[in-house]
Amino acid sequence: MLTSKVLLLVQGQIDVFFSRLDSLKLESSDVKRALDAFWRCNKQICLKYYETQLSIEDFYHTDKYATFLYFLSHSLYKADKAKLATKVYYLNKILHGIDIYYEICLPEVFYLTHPVGSVFGRAGYGNYLCVYQNCTIGGDTRDGEICYPTLGEGVVLCASSKVIGTCQVGDNVIFGANAFIINTDVPSNSIVVGSYPHHRILPSNHNVLKEFFGIDKDL
């Protein structure tokens, strides 16, 4: 059964890195909750390698495994198992070089591709999010408070793009490679290129929902 195979895989990795911390162990129910969320996410992605039922091979596909470990850490956190959630979050950083803290609420459907070096802050994330490598969604301190972006539906962050601070980002928005904005709003159906304050916001003919997720929806 897939649940038991994944349980053995993840617990074995946790034991390698964290065996001296405590004796806490994952349970089948922990893995099952994460698998359910992982499958709901995966089946919405219409790209190569995402078109079949889950099997143990999916957990040796590093982009998928990074996604699964996020779902596992987040579900452990919601189940009041913060110590185990911390281990799984840390394991994800060790294996994939990605920082998605277990308290972060990513949407039900998102797509990570080569996500090494990407950092996810406490932003508001719309569904159908796509994130590439070395991206940052982070906060900016204003009047003693850390403010984070709000991303709409169907947002793509290409390699090394950064969205920082109080940014209201609309739907169907693509941040080009190395794009950077801070405390800047972006309307729907746009492409962002360049770095603040010399960035440009251009109209986009792309349909992120259709291109990545196979959803034919008017924009």
C-alpha atoms as a PDB file:
ATOM      1  CA  MET A   1       0.000   0.000   0.000  1.00  0.00           C
ATOM      2  CA  LEU A   2       1.296   3.432  -0.947  1.00  0.00           C
ATOM      3  CA  THR A   3       0.733   4.943   2.493  1.00  0.00           C
ATOM      4  CA  SER A   4       2.964   2.388   4.200  1.00  0.00           C
ATOM      5  CA  LYS A   5       5.689   2.728   1.557  1.00  0.00           C
ATOM      6  CA  VAL A   6       5.757   6.512   1.880  1.00  0.00           C
ATOM      7  CA  LEU A   7       5.702   6.253   5.673  1.00  0.00           C
ATOM      8  CA  LEU A   8       8.801   4.037   5.606  1.00  0.00           C
ATOM      9  CA  LEU A   9      10.558   6.382   3.170  1.00  0.00           C
ATOM     10  CA  VAL A  10       9.946   9.594   5.114  1.00  0.00           C
ATOM     11  CA  GLN A  11      10.466   8.090   8.566  1.00  0.00           C
ATOM     12  CA  GLY A  12      13.734   6.546   7.405  1.00  0.00           C
ATOM     13  CA  GLN A  13      14.975   9.933   6.216  1.00  0.00           C
ATOM     14  CA  ILE A  14      13.872  11.604   9.446  1.00  0.00           C
ATOM     15  CA  ASP A  15      15.716   8.961  11.451  1.00  0.00           C
ATOM     16  CA  VAL A  16      18.926   9.532   9.485  1.00  0.00           C
ATOM     17  CA  PHE A  17      18.998  13.245  10.253  1.00  0.00           C
ATOM     18  CA  PHE A  18      17.130  13.610  13.547  1.00  0.00           C
ATOM     19  CA  SER A  19      17.242  10.282  15.403  1.00  0.00           C
ATOM     20  CA  ARG A  20      18.912  11.781  18.475  1.00  0.00           C
ATOM     21  CA  LEU A  21      16.334  14.506  19.051  1.00  0.00           C
ATOM     22  CA  ASP A  22      13.435  12.403  20.338  1.00  0.00           C
ATOM     23  CA  SER A  23      11.513   9.203  19.651  1.00  0.00           C
ATOM     24  CA  LEU A  24       8.491  10.768  17.932  1.00  0.00           C
ATOM     25  CA  LYS A  25       7.329   8.796  14.901  1.00  0.00           C
ATOM     26  CA  LEU A  26       5.010   9.469  12.004  1.00  0.00           C
ATOM     27  CA  GLU A  27       1.740   7.564  11.926  1.00  0.00           C
ATOM     28  CA  SER A  28      -0.101   6.168   8.926  1.00  0.00           C
ATOM     29  CA  SER A  29      -2.895   8.686   9.452  1.00  0.00           C
ATOM     30  CA  ASP A  30      -0.385  11.554   9.197  1.00  0.00           C
ATOM     31  CA  VAL A  31       0.861  10.319   5.839  1.00  0.00           C
ATOM     32  CA  LYS A  32      -2.651   9.545   4.569  1.00  0.00           C
ATOM     33  CA  ARG A  33      -3.846  13.119   5.194  1.00  0.00           C
ATOM     34  CA  ALA A  34      -0.861  14.515   3.326  1.00  0.00           C
ATOM     35  CA  LEU A  35      -1.275  12.034   0.465  1.00  0.00           C
ATOM     36  CA  ASP A  36      -4.895  13.090   0.002  1.00  0.00           C
ATOM     37  CA  ALA A  37      -3.911  16.764  -0.230  1.00  0.00           C
ATOM     38  CA  PHE A  38      -0.967  15.927  -2.487  1.00  0.00           C
ATOM     39  CA  TRP A  39      -3.169  13.995  -4.897  1.00  0.00           C
ATOM     40  CA  ARG A  40      -5.784  16.776  -5.031  1.00  0.00           C
ATOM     41  CA  CYS A  41      -2.967  19.130  -6.021  1.00  0.00           C
ATOM     42  CA  ASN A  42      -1.215  16.836  -8.507  1.00  0.00           C
ATOM     43  CA  LYS A  43      -4.279  15.833 -10.482  1.00  0.00           C
ATOM     44  CA  GLN A  44      -4.917  19.487 -11.407  1.00  0.00           C
ATOM     45  CA  ILE A  45      -1.521  19.905 -13.100  1.00  0.00           C
ATOM     46  CA  CYS A  46      -1.658  19.109 -16.829  1.00  0.00           C
ATOM     47  CA  LEU A  47       2.089  18.847 -17.459  1.00  0.00           C
ATOM     48  CA  LYS A  48       4.419  15.929 -18.141  1.00  0.00           C
ATOM     49  CA  TYR A  49       4.901  13.543 -15.195  1.00  0.00           C
ATOM     50  CA  TYR A  50       1.647  14.701 -13.541  1.00  0.00           C
ATOM     51  CA  GLU A  51      -0.866  12.717 -15.587  1.00  0.00           C
ATOM     52  CA  THR A  52      -0.983   9.379 -13.750  1.00  0.00           C
ATOM     53  CA  GLN A  53      -2.180   7.989 -10.440  1.00  0.00           C
ATOM     54  CA  LEU A  54       0.230   8.318  -7.542  1.00  0.00           C
ATOM     55  CA  SER A  55       2.876   5.642  -7.105  1.00  0.00           C
ATOM     56  CA  ILE A  56       6.030   5.342  -5.021  1.00  0.00           C
ATOM     57  CA  GLU A  57       8.018   6.639  -8.021  1.00  0.00           C
ATOM     58  CA  ASP A  58       6.425  10.071  -7.494  1.00  0.00           C
ATOM     59  CA  PHE A  59       8.358  10.361  -4.244  1.00  0.00           C
ATOM     60  CA  TYR A  60      11.638  10.091  -6.120  1.00  0.00           C
ATOM     61  CA  HIS A  61      10.638  13.016  -8.360  1.00  0.00           C
ATOM     62  CA  THR A  62      12.166  15.870  -6.396  1.00  0.00           C
ATOM     63  CA  ASP A  63       9.716  18.617  -7.374  1.00  0.00           C
ATOM     64  CA  LYS A  64       6.803  16.406  -6.375  1.00  0.00           C
ATOM     65  CA  TYR A  65       8.516  15.259  -3.200  1.00  0.00           C
ATOM     66  CA  ALA A  66       9.151  18.854  -2.113  1.00  0.00           C
ATOM     67  CA  THR A  67       5.439  19.496  -2.586  1.00  0.00           C
ATOM     68  CA  PHE A  68       4.458  16.396  -0.627  1.00  0.00           C
ATOM     69  CA  LEU A  69       6.767  17.247   2.283  1.00  0.00           C
ATOM     70  CA  TYR A  70       5.138  20.670   2.521  1.00  0.00           C
ATOM     71  CA  PHE A  71       1.686  19.069   2.700  1.00  0.00           C
ATOM     72  CA  LEU A  72       2.955  16.627   5.326  1.00  0.00           C
ATOM     73  CA  SER A  73       4.559  19.304   7.505  1.00  0.00           C
ATOM     74  CA  HIS A  74       1.489  21.544   7.251  1.00  0.00           C
ATOM     75  CA  SER A  75      -0.940  18.751   8.095  1.00  0.00           C
ATOM     76  CA  LEU A  76       1.201  17.743  11.080  1.00  0.00           C
ATOM     77  CA  TYR A  77       1.144  21.339  12.292  1.00  0.00           C
ATOM     78  CA  LYS A  78      -2.650  21.480  11.990  1.00  0.00           C
ATOM     79  CA  ALA A  79      -2.825  18.216  13.956  1.00  0.00           C
ATOM     80  CA  ASP A  80      -0.883  19.841  16.847  1.00  0.00           C
ATOM     81  CA  LYS A  81       2.273  17.854  16.084  1.00  0.00           C
ATOM     82  CA  ALA A  82       4.649  20.790  15.819  1.00  0.00           C
ATOM     83  CA  LYS A  83       7.792  18.813  16.687  1.00  0.00           C
ATOM     84  CA  LEU A  84       7.205  16.359  13.861  1.00  0.00           C
ATOM     85  CA  ALA A  85       6.193  19.214  11.554  1.00  0.00           C
ATOM     86  CA  THR A  86       9.523  20.897  12.320  1.00  0.00           C
ATOM     87  CA  LYS A  87      11.446  17.768  11.347  1.00  0.00           C
ATOM     88  CA  VAL A  88       9.610  17.410   8.043  1.00  0.00           C
ATOM     89  CA  TYR A  89      10.032  21.122   7.272  1.00  0.00           C
ATOM     90  CA  TYR A  90      13.751  20.828   8.011  1.00  0.00           C
ATOM     91  CA  LEU A  91      13.978  17.648   5.925  1.00  0.00           C
ATOM     92  CA  ASN A  92      12.495  19.528   2.977  1.00  0.00           C
ATOM     93  CA  LYS A  93      15.180  22.224   3.345  1.00  0.00           C
ATOM     94  CA  ILE A  94      17.941  19.618   3.521  1.00  0.00           C
ATOM     95  CA  LEU A  95      16.779  17.640   0.492  1.00  0.00           C
ATOM     96  CA  HIS A  96      15.510  20.406  -1.781  1.00  0.00           C
ATOM     97  CA  GLY A  97      16.969  23.700  -0.544  1.00  0.00           C
ATOM     98  CA  ILE A  98      13.464  25.145  -0.283  1.00  0.00           C
ATOM     99  CA  ASP A  99      12.010  27.097   2.639  1.00  0.00           C
ATOM    100  CA  ILE A 100       8.270  26.621   3.172  1.00  0.00           C
ATOM    101  CA  TYR A 101       7.611  26.892   6.887  1.00  0.00           C
ATOM    102  CA  TYR A 102       4.918  24.515   8.070  1.00  0.00           C
ATOM    103  CA  GLU A 103       2.641  27.362   9.202  1.00  0.00           C
ATOM    104  CA  ILE A 104       2.532  28.844   5.690  1.00  0.00           C
ATOM    105  CA  CYS A 105      -0.839  28.314   3.996  1.00  0.00           C
ATOM    106  CA  LEU A 106      -0.182  27.491   0.369  1.00  0.00           C
ATOM    107  CA  PRO A 107      -3.238  26.977  -1.849  1.00  0.00           C
ATOM    108  CA  GLU A 108      -4.846  23.634  -2.556  1.00  0.00           C
ATOM    109  CA  VAL A 109      -3.295  23.571  -6.044  1.00  0.00           C
ATOM    110  CA  PHE A 110       0.231  24.797  -6.766  1.00  0.00           C
ATOM    111  CA  TYR A 111       3.160  23.744  -8.924  1.00  0.00           C
ATOM    112  CA  LEU A 112       6.849  23.782  -7.991  1.00  0.00           C
ATOM    113  CA  THR A 113       9.430  23.340 -10.715  1.00  0.00           C
ATOM    114  CA  HIS A 114      13.157  23.184  -9.884  1.00  0.00           C
ATOM    115  CA  PRO A 115      12.323  25.145  -6.693  1.00  0.00           C
ATOM    116  CA  VAL A 116      15.785  25.051  -5.080  1.00  0.00           C
ATOM    117  CA  GLY A 117      16.518  28.304  -3.275  1.00  0.00           C
ATOM    118  CA  SER A 118      12.914  29.525  -3.145  1.00  0.00           C
ATOM    119  CA  VAL A 119      11.555  31.055   0.065  1.00  0.00           C
ATOM    120  CA  PHE A 120       7.850  31.358   0.857  1.00  0.00           C
ATOM    121  CA  GLY A 121       6.833  33.967   3.427  1.00  0.00           C
ATOM    122  CA  ARG A 122       3.537  34.495   5.213  1.00  0.00           C
ATOM    123  CA  ALA A 123       1.804  35.900   2.167  1.00  0.00           C
ATOM    124  CA  GLY A 124      -1.715  35.318   0.919  1.00  0.00           C
ATOM    125  CA  TYR A 125      -1.518  32.779  -1.904  1.00  0.00           C
ATOM    126  CA  GLY A 126      -4.188  32.328  -4.567  1.00  0.00           C
ATOM    127  CA  ASN A 127      -4.894  28.977  -6.140  1.00  0.00           C
ATOM    128  CA  TYR A 128      -2.950  27.712  -9.173  1.00  0.00           C
ATOM    129  CA  LEU A 129       0.386  29.162  -8.089  1.00  0.00           C
ATOM    130  CA  CYS A 130       3.577  28.286 -10.017  1.00  0.00           C
ATOM    131  CA  VAL A 131       7.047  28.882  -8.554  1.00  0.00           C
ATOM    132  CA  TYR A 132      10.459  28.273 -10.109  1.00  0.00           C
ATOM    133  CA  GLN A 133      13.956  28.412  -8.557  1.00  0.00           C
ATOM    134  CA  ASN A 134      15.436  31.118  -6.312  1.00  0.00           C
ATOM    135  CA  CYS A 135      12.156  32.979  -5.863  1.00  0.00           C
ATOM    136  CA  THR A 136      11.216  34.949  -2.759  1.00  0.00           C
ATOM    137  CA  ILE A 137       7.779  35.945  -1.524  1.00  0.00           C
ATOM    138  CA  GLY A 138       8.610  37.963   1.560  1.00  0.00           C
ATOM    139  CA  GLY A 139       7.764  40.738   3.961  1.00  0.00           C
ATOM    140  CA  ASP A 140       8.729  44.372   4.392  1.00  0.00           C
ATOM    141  CA  THR A 141       8.676  46.113   7.760  1.00  0.00           C
ATOM    142  CA  ARG A 142       6.517  49.234   7.862  1.00  0.00           C
ATOM    143  CA  ASP A 143       5.718  51.085  11.100  1.00  0.00           C
ATOM    144  CA  GLY A 144       6.989  48.137  13.111  1.00  0.00           C
ATOM    145  CA  GLU A 145       4.795  45.603  11.317  1.00  0.00           C
ATOM    146  CA  ILE A 146       5.882  43.067   8.707  1.00  0.00           C
ATOM    147  CA  CYS A 147       3.636  43.322   5.648  1.00  0.00           C
ATOM    148  CA  TYR A 148       3.371  40.568   3.052  1.00  0.00           C
ATOM    149  CA  PRO A 149       2.029  40.309  -0.504  1.00  0.00           C
ATOM    150  CA  THR A 150      -1.338  38.966  -1.551  1.00  0.00           C
ATOM    151  CA  LEU A 151      -1.213  36.915  -4.739  1.00  0.00           C
ATOM    152  CA  GLY A 152      -4.229  36.271  -6.934  1.00  0.00           C
ATOM    153  CA  GLU A 153      -5.174  33.148  -8.854  1.00  0.00           C
ATOM    154  CA  GLY A 154      -2.809  31.829 -11.503  1.00  0.00           C
ATOM    155  CA  VAL A 155       0.389  33.670 -10.543  1.00  0.00           C
ATOM    156  CA  VAL A 156       3.743  32.480 -11.934  1.00  0.00           C
ATOM    157  CA  LEU A 157       7.112  33.417 -10.422  1.00  0.00           C
ATOM    158  CA  CYS A 158       9.863  32.637 -12.909  1.00  0.00           C
ATOM    159  CA  ALA A 159      13.478  32.085 -11.865  1.00  0.00           C
ATOM    160  CA  SER A 160      14.903  34.513  -9.279  1.00  0.00           C
ATOM    161  CA  SER A 161      11.821  36.729  -9.144  1.00  0.00           C
ATOM    162  CA  LYS A 162      10.921  38.467  -5.890  1.00  0.00           C
ATOM    163  CA  VAL A 163       7.666  39.893  -4.541  1.00  0.00           C
ATOM    164  CA  ILE A 164       8.170  41.775  -1.291  1.00  0.00           C
ATOM    165  CA  GLY A 165       5.976  43.761   1.072  1.00  0.00           C
ATOM    166  CA  THR A 166       2.501  45.189   0.553  1.00  0.00           C
ATOM    167  CA  CYS A 167       1.796  44.015  -2.995  1.00  0.00           C
ATOM    168  CA  GLN A 168      -1.691  43.303  -4.281  1.00  0.00           C
ATOM    169  CA  VAL A 169      -1.111  41.011  -7.248  1.00  0.00           C
ATOM    170  CA  GLY A 170      -4.071  40.233  -9.488  1.00  0.00           C
ATOM    171  CA  ASP A 171      -5.016  37.047 -11.316  1.00  0.00           C
ATOM    172  CA  ASN A 172      -3.101  35.576 -14.260  1.00  0.00           C
ATOM    173  CA  VAL A 173       0.146  37.441 -13.563  1.00  0.00           C
ATOM    174  CA  ILE A 174       3.627  36.300 -14.625  1.00  0.00           C
ATOM    175  CA  PHE A 175       6.810  37.602 -12.997  1.00  0.00           C
ATOM    176  CA  GLY A 176       9.639  37.259 -15.494  1.00  0.00           C
ATOM    177  CA  ALA A 177      13.074  35.946 -14.585  1.00  0.00           C
ATOM    178  CA  ASN A 178      14.820  38.282 -12.100  1.00  0.00           C
ATOM    179  CA  ALA A 179      11.762  40.527 -11.757  1.00  0.00           C
ATOM    180  CA  PHE A 180      11.573  42.339  -8.418  1.00  0.00           C
ATOM    181  CA  ILE A 181       8.873  44.510  -6.873  1.00  0.00           C
ATOM    182  CA  ILE A 182       8.351  45.877  -3.385  1.00  0.00           C
ATOM    183  CA  ASN A 183       5.177  47.509  -2.055  1.00  0.00           C
ATOM    184  CA  THR A 184       3.745  47.633  -5.580  1.00  0.00           C
ATOM    185  CA  ASP A 185       0.368  46.526  -6.919  1.00  0.00           C
ATOM    186  CA  VAL A 186       0.054  44.547 -10.144  1.00  0.00           C
ATOM    187  CA  PRO A 187      -3.224  44.308 -12.108  1.00  0.00           C
ATOM    188  CA  SER A 188      -4.583  41.069 -13.484  1.00  0.00           C
ATOM    189  CA  ASN A 189      -3.407  39.742 -16.858  1.00  0.00           C
ATOM    190  CA  SER A 190       0.057  41.266 -16.606  1.00  0.00           C
ATOM    191  CA  ILE A 191       3.716  40.382 -17.030  1.00  0.00           C
ATOM    192  CA  VAL A 192       6.237  42.016 -14.684  1.00  0.00           C
ATOM    193  CA  VAL A 193       9.808  42.506 -15.906  1.00  0.00           C
ATOM    194  CA  GLY A 194      12.791  44.325 -14.436  1.00  0.00           C
ATOM    195  CA  SER A 195      13.561  45.491 -10.915  1.00  0.00           C
ATOM    196  CA  TYR A 196      11.856  48.096  -8.755  1.00  0.00           C
ATOM    197  CA  PRO A 197      11.745  51.072  -9.198  1.00  0.00           C
ATOM    198  CA  HIS A 198      12.572  50.585 -12.875  1.00  0.00           C
ATOM    199  CA  HIS A 199      10.328  47.571 -13.388  1.00  0.00           C
ATOM    200  CA  ARG A 200       7.676  47.485 -16.095  1.00  0.00           C
ATOM    201  CA  ILE A 201       4.183  45.997 -15.975  1.00  0.00           C
ATOM    202  CA  LEU A 202       3.096  44.825 -19.418  1.00  0.00           C
ATOM    203  CA  PRO A 203      -0.171  43.334 -20.709  1.00  0.00           C
ATOM    204  CA  SER A 204      -0.110  39.547 -21.008  1.00  0.00           C
ATOM    205  CA  ASN A 205      -1.713  37.244 -23.553  1.00  0.00           C
ATOM    206  CA  HIS A 206      -0.884  34.150 -21.508  1.00  0.00           C
ATOM    207  CA  ASN A 207      -3.527  32.065 -19.785  1.00  0.00           C
ATOM    208  CA  VAL A 208      -1.792  30.472 -16.795  1.00  0.00           C
ATOM    209  CA  LEU A 209      -4.768  28.341 -15.792  1.00  0.00           C
ATOM    210  CA  LYS A 210      -4.995  26.810 -19.259  1.00  0.00           C
ATOM    211  CA  GLU A 211      -1.252  26.457 -19.923  1.00  0.00           C
ATOM    212  CA  PHE A 212      -0.329  24.840 -16.600  1.00  0.00           C
ATOM    213  CA  PHE A 213      -3.575  23.363 -15.305  1.00  0.00           C
ATOM    214  CA  GLY A 214      -5.741  22.708 -18.356  1.00  0.00           C
ATOM    215  CA  ILE A 215      -8.529  24.981 -17.140  1.00  0.00           C
ATOM    216  CA  ASP A 216     -10.259  26.813 -19.998  1.00  0.00           C
ATOM    217  CA  LYS A 217     -11.511  29.870 -18.162  1.00  0.00           C
ATOM    218  CA  ASP A 218     -12.201  33.334 -19.526  1.00  0.00           C
ATOM    219  CA  LEU A 219      -9.841  35.937 -18.085  1.00  0.00           C
END
